[in-house]
PDB file of all heavy atoms in Angstrom:
ATOM      1  N   CYS A   1      67.049  84.936  46.159  1.00  0.00           N
ATOM      2  CA  CYS A   1      65.732  84.320  46.376  1.00  0.00           C
ATOM      3  C   CYS A   1      64.867  84.336  45.112  1.00  0.00           C
ATOM      4  O   CYS A   1      63.648  84.534  45.182  1.00  0.00           O
ATOM      5  CB  CYS A   1      64.989  85.001  47.525  1.00  0.00           C
ATOM      6  SG  CYS A   1      65.846  84.936  49.098  1.00  0.00           S
ATOM      7  N   ILE A   2      65.496  84.157  43.958  1.00  0.00           N
ATOM      8  CA  ILE A   2      64.770  84.147  42.688  1.00  0.00           C
ATOM      9  C   ILE A   2      65.072  82.852  41.946  1.00  0.00           C
ATOM     10  O   ILE A   2      66.223  82.425  41.875  1.00  0.00           O
ATOM     11  CB  ILE A   2      65.173  85.336  41.788  1.00  0.00           C
ATOM     12  CG1 ILE A   2      65.086  86.649  42.553  1.00  0.00           C
ATOM     13  CG2 ILE A   2      64.278  85.394  40.552  1.00  0.00           C
ATOM     14  CD1 ILE A   2      65.546  87.842  41.752  1.00  0.00           C
ATOM     15  N   MET A   3      64.047  82.243  41.396  1.00  0.00           N
ATOM     16  CA  MET A   3      64.233  81.064  40.562  1.00  0.00           C
ATOM     17  C   MET A   3      64.726  81.489  39.185  1.00  0.00           C
ATOM     18  O   MET A   3      64.238  82.477  38.618  1.00  0.00           O
ATOM     19  CB  MET A   3      62.919  80.286  40.448  1.00  0.00           C
ATOM     20  CG  MET A   3      62.461  79.661  41.749  1.00  0.00           C
ATOM     21  SD  MET A   3      60.809  78.927  41.643  1.00  0.00           S
ATOM     22  CE  MET A   3      59.777  80.358  41.967  1.00  0.00           C
ATOM     23  N   GLY A   4      65.670  80.755  38.653  1.00  0.00           N
ATOM     24  CA  GLY A   4      66.270  81.115  37.374  1.00  0.00           C
ATOM     25  C   GLY A   4      65.290  81.141  36.223  1.00  0.00           C
ATOM     26  O   GLY A   4      65.511  81.850  35.228  1.00  0.00           O
ATOM     27  N   ASP A   5      64.179  80.396  36.324  1.00  0.00           N
ATOM     28  CA  ASP A   5      63.210  80.335  35.235  1.00  0.00           C
ATOM     29  C   ASP A   5      62.137  81.410  35.331  1.00  0.00           C
ATOM     30  O   ASP A   5      61.256  81.481  34.469  1.00  0.00           O
ATOM     31  CB  ASP A   5      62.549  78.953  35.198  1.00  0.00           C
ATOM     32  CG  ASP A   5      63.491  77.884  34.678  1.00  0.00           C
ATOM     33  OD1 ASP A   5      63.927  78.002  33.528  1.00  0.00           O
ATOM     34  OD2 ASP A   5      63.818  76.949  35.434  1.00  0.00           O
ATOM     35  N   GLU A   6      62.174  82.243  36.357  1.00  0.00           N
ATOM     36  CA  GLU A   6      61.251  83.374  36.416  1.00  0.00           C
ATOM     37  C   GLU A   6      61.680  84.435  35.400  1.00  0.00           C
ATOM     38  O   GLU A   6      62.871  84.638  35.159  1.00  0.00           O
ATOM     39  CB  GLU A   6      61.241  83.987  37.818  1.00  0.00           C
ATOM     40  CG  GLU A   6      60.641  83.095  38.888  1.00  0.00           C
ATOM     41  CD  GLU A   6      60.585  83.773  40.233  1.00  0.00           C
ATOM     42  OE1 GLU A   6      59.670  84.604  40.442  1.00  0.00           O
ATOM     43  OE2 GLU A   6      61.452  83.484  41.085  1.00  0.00           O
ATOM     44  N   LEU A   7      60.726  85.133  34.836  1.00  0.00           N
ATOM     45  CA  LEU A   7      61.020  86.241  33.935  1.00  0.00           C
ATOM     46  C   LEU A   7      61.125  87.533  34.739  1.00  0.00           C
ATOM     47  O   LEU A   7      60.440  87.697  35.754  1.00  0.00           O
ATOM     48  CB  LEU A   7      59.936  86.382  32.869  1.00  0.00           C
ATOM     49  CG  LEU A   7      59.673  85.166  31.971  1.00  0.00           C
ATOM     50  CD1 LEU A   7      58.661  85.521  30.886  1.00  0.00           C
ATOM     51  CD2 LEU A   7      60.959  84.645  31.353  1.00  0.00           C
ATOM     52  N   VAL A   8      61.964  88.440  34.284  1.00  0.00           N
ATOM     53  CA  VAL A   8      62.218  89.681  35.020  1.00  0.00           C
ATOM     54  C   VAL A   8      60.923  90.449  35.273  1.00  0.00           C
ATOM     55  O   VAL A   8      60.597  90.817  36.407  1.00  0.00           O
ATOM     56  CB  VAL A   8      63.227  90.564  34.269  1.00  0.00           C
ATOM     57  CG1 VAL A   8      63.335  91.941  34.924  1.00  0.00           C
ATOM     58  CG2 VAL A   8      64.591  89.893  34.222  1.00  0.00           C
ATOM     59  N   GLY A   9      60.160  90.706  34.212  1.00  0.00           N
ATOM     60  CA  GLY A   9      58.920  91.460  34.356  1.00  0.00           C
ATOM     61  C   GLY A   9      57.911  90.763  35.242  1.00  0.00           C
ATOM     62  O   GLY A   9      57.253  91.393  36.082  1.00  0.00           O
ATOM     63  N   GLU A  10      57.777  89.458  35.058  1.00  0.00           N
ATOM     64  CA  GLU A  10      56.843  88.686  35.871  1.00  0.00           C
ATOM     65  C   GLU A  10      57.206  88.750  37.344  1.00  0.00           C
ATOM     66  O   GLU A  10      56.340  88.880  38.207  1.00  0.00           O
ATOM     67  CB  GLU A  10      56.829  87.226  35.410  1.00  0.00           C
ATOM     68  CG  GLU A  10      56.096  86.974  34.113  1.00  0.00           C
ATOM     69  CD  GLU A  10      56.057  85.508  33.751  1.00  0.00           C
ATOM     70  OE1 GLU A  10      56.689  84.694  34.466  1.00  0.00           O
ATOM     71  OE2 GLU A  10      55.402  85.170  32.752  1.00  0.00           O
ATOM     72  N   ARG A  11      58.486  88.642  37.640  1.00  0.00           N
ATOM     73  CA  ARG A  11      58.925  88.646  39.035  1.00  0.00           C
ATOM     74  C   ARG A  11      58.552  89.954  39.735  1.00  0.00           C
ATOM     75  O   ARG A  11      58.047  89.945  40.870  1.00  0.00           O
ATOM     76  CB  ARG A  11      60.435  88.429  39.095  1.00  0.00           C
ATOM     77  CG  ARG A  11      61.066  88.687  40.461  1.00  0.00           C
ATOM     78  CD  ARG A  11      60.580  87.703  41.510  1.00  0.00           C
ATOM     79  NE  ARG A  11      61.262  87.922  42.769  1.00  0.00           N
ATOM     80  CZ  ARG A  11      61.542  86.979  43.650  1.00  0.00           C
ATOM     81  NH1 ARG A  11      61.161  85.738  43.412  1.00  0.00           N
ATOM     82  NH2 ARG A  11      62.177  87.258  44.765  1.00  0.00           N
ATOM     83  N   ILE A  12      58.773  91.086  39.081  1.00  0.00           N
ATOM     84  CA  ILE A  12      58.463  92.377  39.690  1.00  0.00           C
ATOM     85  C   ILE A  12      56.957  92.503  39.926  1.00  0.00           C
ATOM     86  O   ILE A  12      56.511  92.950  40.989  1.00  0.00           O
ATOM     87  CB  ILE A  12      58.955  93.540  38.810  1.00  0.00           C
ATOM     88  CG1 ILE A  12      60.458  93.414  38.520  1.00  0.00           C
ATOM     89  CG2 ILE A  12      58.640  94.870  39.475  1.00  0.00           C
ATOM     90  CD1 ILE A  12      61.334  93.392  39.740  1.00  0.00           C
ATOM     91  N   LEU A  13      56.159  92.086  38.954  1.00  0.00           N
ATOM     92  CA  LEU A  13      54.710  92.176  39.095  1.00  0.00           C
ATOM     93  C   LEU A  13      54.185  91.211  40.152  1.00  0.00           C
ATOM     94  O   LEU A  13      53.256  91.539  40.901  1.00  0.00           O
ATOM     95  CB  LEU A  13      54.037  91.908  37.747  1.00  0.00           C
ATOM     96  CG  LEU A  13      54.268  92.970  36.668  1.00  0.00           C
ATOM     97  CD1 LEU A  13      53.667  92.514  35.335  1.00  0.00           C
ATOM     98  CD2 LEU A  13      53.677  94.311  37.082  1.00  0.00           C
ATOM     99  N   ASP A  14      54.766  90.010  40.226  1.00  0.00           N
ATOM    100  CA  ASP A  14      54.366  89.053  41.260  1.00  0.00           C
ATOM    101  C   ASP A  14      54.686  89.600  42.650  1.00  0.00           C
ATOM    102  O   ASP A  14      53.917  89.415  43.603  1.00  0.00           O
ATOM    103  CB  ASP A  14      55.074  87.714  41.057  1.00  0.00           C
ATOM    104  CG  ASP A  14      54.534  86.930  39.874  1.00  0.00           C
ATOM    105  OD1 ASP A  14      53.354  87.140  39.525  1.00  0.00           O
ATOM    106  OD2 ASP A  14      55.282  86.114  39.303  1.00  0.00           O
ATOM    107  N   ALA A  15      55.836  90.273  42.781  1.00  0.00           N
ATOM    108  CA  ALA A  15      56.214  90.864  44.064  1.00  0.00           C
ATOM    109  C   ALA A  15      55.262  92.000  44.438  1.00  0.00           C
ATOM    110  O   ALA A  15      54.925  92.182  45.610  1.00  0.00           O
ATOM    111  CB  ALA A  15      57.644  91.382  44.006  1.00  0.00           C
ATOM    112  N   ALA A  16      54.827  92.749  43.435  1.00  0.00           N
ATOM    113  CA  ALA A  16      53.905  93.857  43.688  1.00  0.00           C
ATOM    114  C   ALA A  16      52.502  93.364  44.004  1.00  0.00           C
ATOM    115  O   ALA A  16      51.773  93.971  44.788  1.00  0.00           O
ATOM    116  CB  ALA A  16      53.868  94.786  42.478  1.00  0.00           C
ATOM    117  N   GLY A  17      52.118  92.253  43.373  1.00  0.00           N
ATOM    118  CA  GLY A  17      50.762  91.739  43.558  1.00  0.00           C
ATOM    119  C   GLY A  17      49.732  92.552  42.806  1.00  0.00           C
ATOM    120  O   GLY A  17      48.531  92.427  43.036  1.00  0.00           O
ATOM    121  N   SER A  18      50.201  93.418  41.900  1.00  0.00           N
ATOM    122  CA  SER A  18      49.308  94.274  41.113  1.00  0.00           C
ATOM    123  C   SER A  18      49.845  94.405  39.697  1.00  0.00           C
ATOM    124  O   SER A  18      51.040  94.234  39.450  1.00  0.00           O
ATOM    125  CB  SER A  18      49.184  95.669  41.739  1.00  0.00           C
ATOM    126  OG  SER A  18      48.649  95.610  43.039  1.00  0.00           O
ATOM    127  N   GLU A  19      48.944  94.732  38.780  1.00  0.00           N
ATOM    128  CA  GLU A  19      49.329  94.980  37.398  1.00  0.00           C
ATOM    129  C   GLU A  19      49.597  96.471  37.205  1.00  0.00           C
ATOM    130  O   GLU A  19      48.793  97.308  37.614  1.00  0.00           O
ATOM    131  CB  GLU A  19      48.213  94.532  36.449  1.00  0.00           C
ATOM    132  CG  GLU A  19      47.875  93.048  36.508  1.00  0.00           C
ATOM    133  CD  GLU A  19      48.903  92.179  35.808  1.00  0.00           C
ATOM    134  OE1 GLU A  19      49.855  92.737  35.213  1.00  0.00           O
ATOM    135  OE2 GLU A  19      48.759  90.950  35.854  1.00  0.00           O
ATOM    136  N   PHE A  20      50.719  96.803  36.605  1.00  0.00           N
ATOM    137  CA  PHE A  20      51.014  98.194  36.262  1.00  0.00           C
ATOM    138  C   PHE A  20      52.120  98.207  35.212  1.00  0.00           C
ATOM    139  O   PHE A  20      52.784  97.193  34.960  1.00  0.00           O
ATOM    140  CB  PHE A  20      51.410  99.007  37.490  1.00  0.00           C
ATOM    141  CG  PHE A  20      52.725  98.599  38.122  1.00  0.00           C
ATOM    142  CD1 PHE A  20      53.896  99.280  37.832  1.00  0.00           C
ATOM    143  CD2 PHE A  20      52.782  97.534  39.009  1.00  0.00           C
ATOM    144  CE1 PHE A  20      55.105  98.911  38.414  1.00  0.00           C
ATOM    145  CE2 PHE A  20      53.980  97.157  39.600  1.00  0.00           C
ATOM    146  CZ  PHE A  20      55.143  97.845  39.299  1.00  0.00           C
ATOM    147  N   ASP A  21      52.314  99.344  34.590  1.00  0.00           N
ATOM    148  CA  ASP A  21      53.337  99.495  33.562  1.00  0.00           C
ATOM    149  C   ASP A  21      54.705  99.629  34.234  1.00  0.00           C
ATOM    150  O   ASP A  21      54.988 100.643  34.883  1.00  0.00           O
ATOM    151  CB  ASP A  21      53.038 100.729  32.712  1.00  0.00           C
ATOM    152  CG  ASP A  21      53.992 100.866  31.522  1.00  0.00           C
ATOM    153  OD1 ASP A  21      54.899 100.016  31.378  1.00  0.00           O
ATOM    154  OD2 ASP A  21      53.833 101.830  30.749  1.00  0.00           O
ATOM    155  N   ILE A  22      55.541  98.604  34.088  1.00  0.00           N
ATOM    156  CA  ILE A  22      56.834  98.606  34.782  1.00  0.00           C
ATOM    157  C   ILE A  22      57.966  99.110  33.887  1.00  0.00           C
ATOM    158  O   ILE A  22      59.131  99.074  34.290  1.00  0.00           O
ATOM    159  CB  ILE A  22      57.187  97.188  35.287  1.00  0.00           C
ATOM    160  CG1 ILE A  22      57.295  96.207  34.107  1.00  0.00           C
ATOM    161  CG2 ILE A  22      56.168  96.705  36.294  1.00  0.00           C
ATOM    162  CD1 ILE A  22      57.776  94.835  34.534  1.00  0.00           C
ATOM    163  N   THR A  23      57.623  99.612  32.705  1.00  0.00           N
ATOM    164  CA  THR A  23      58.656 100.041  31.755  1.00  0.00           C
ATOM    165  C   THR A  23      59.566 101.106  32.345  1.00  0.00           C
ATOM    166  O   THR A  23      60.795 101.000  32.288  1.00  0.00           O
ATOM    167  CB  THR A  23      58.007 100.573  30.466  1.00  0.00           C
ATOM    168  OG1 THR A  23      57.117  99.586  29.939  1.00  0.00           O
ATOM    169  CG2 THR A  23      59.083 100.885  29.429  1.00  0.00           C
ATOM    170  N   ASP A  24      58.983 102.163  32.913  1.00  0.00           N
ATOM    171  CA  ASP A  24      59.784 103.263  33.461  1.00  0.00           C
ATOM    172  C   ASP A  24      60.627 102.797  34.650  1.00  0.00           C
ATOM    173  O   ASP A  24      61.778 103.218  34.806  1.00  0.00           O
ATOM    174  CB  ASP A  24      58.877 104.422  33.882  1.00  0.00           C
ATOM    175  CG  ASP A  24      58.219 105.111  32.693  1.00  0.00           C
ATOM    176  OD1 ASP A  24      58.731 104.940  31.567  1.00  0.00           O
ATOM    177  OD2 ASP A  24      57.202 105.795  32.894  1.00  0.00           O
ATOM    178  N   LEU A  25      60.044 101.965  35.486  1.00  0.00           N
ATOM    179  CA  LEU A  25      60.767 101.470  36.656  1.00  0.00           C
ATOM    180  C   LEU A  25      61.989 100.657  36.245  1.00  0.00           C
ATOM    181  O   LEU A  25      63.092 100.852  36.776  1.00  0.00           O
ATOM    182  CB  LEU A  25      59.835 100.613  37.521  1.00  0.00           C
ATOM    183  CG  LEU A  25      60.445  99.986  38.781  1.00  0.00           C
ATOM    184  CD1 LEU A  25      60.946 101.063  39.728  1.00  0.00           C
ATOM    185  CD2 LEU A  25      59.427  99.087  39.477  1.00  0.00           C
TER     186      LEU A  25
END
């Protein structure tokens, strides 16, 4: 359920609906 043109980091943040440091995750 992911579009190929989405970026990895953007997708995780869009799913969260919040801004946070996703580096460790």
